[in-house]
Amino acid sequence: MKIGVVFPQNEITADPGAVREYAQAAEEFGYTHLLAYDHVVGADTSTRPDWNGPYTHKSLFHEPLVLFGYLAGLTKKLELVTGVLILPQRQTVLVAKQAAEIDVLTGGRFRLGVGVGWNYVEYHALGMDFSNRGKRCEEQIAVLRALFTQESVTYHGHWHTIEAAGINPLPVQRPIPIWIGGGAEATLRRVATMGDGWFPNLPPDEETKAAIAKIRSYALELGRDPESIGIEGRLQYADQSPDDWVRGIKAWEALGATHVSINTMRAGLDGPSAHIEAIRRFKEAVP
């Protein structure tokens, strides 16, 4: 099982030096990948008294694809992962171009995690329809795979029309792995139908076990090998001991996870150096 880190988006600061030091430390400590969350804009809650989302306009988010372009030249082995890019609020062909570029610059060290998101304010700000995001995401994944693997693409879909056009350079990985995040029933079917892997936003418990069983069952119905679908679990650093981390790793292994990442945010850590120390401690406890 591969063990990575969740990039501490909200707590890393906007200092490029801190970003560099964190990523290079993760690589030096032996982590296999770095996973970054995605939000383009946050909602100003001063005009939304009923807002219940976890992030606002005061939550710091580095744009993951630009971030990875920066980290591509600062790392040598670390896989860079979006976990997840909110795909339906972005232009598909542009995402394909950006993803391919990251894959080229990293020598094939990129995994594209996508999801449909929850923040309608963000969709509206980007001029995208929030109501049909699930169905559009499915078509987007098909378009991405075509652009990742073909020099010239002709595609006529419900939301996409491409006439004999392609991106250049093509990625190193053809296609770039596309993983899917989310826990709704439609998402589980989407993972089984077209995902290379799944990001469950759940602990390694019975609910997650049942969801994995559903994905595997749907995959079998579709003639896919369930073992070909990866699973990336997540562990929390906050309020956990080294023994808890070890138990968490074993629990994810028992569920068949292929990857796990440790999230050090919301643990009361004071600045980037504290996050580096936290991932050092975790790696020593869970080699």
Foldseek 3Di string as FASTA:
>chain_A
DAEAAEDQQQFADPDVVLLLVQVVLRVVLPHAAYEYEDDDAAADCVVPVPDDDPDGRNGGGDHQLVSLVVCLVSDQGYAYEYPAAQPQLDDLQVVLQSQQVSLASNVRRYAYEYENDDDVVRSVVSVGDNPCSLVVVLVSLVVSLCQLADQFDADDDPPDGGDGHHHPPRHNDNHHAYEYEDDDPSRLLSCLVDHQEYEYPDALDPVVLVSLVVSCVSNVVVVHHSLSYAYEAEAELAPDDLVRLVVRVVSCVVSVHPYYYYYDPPRPQRYSVSVSVSVSVNSVSPD
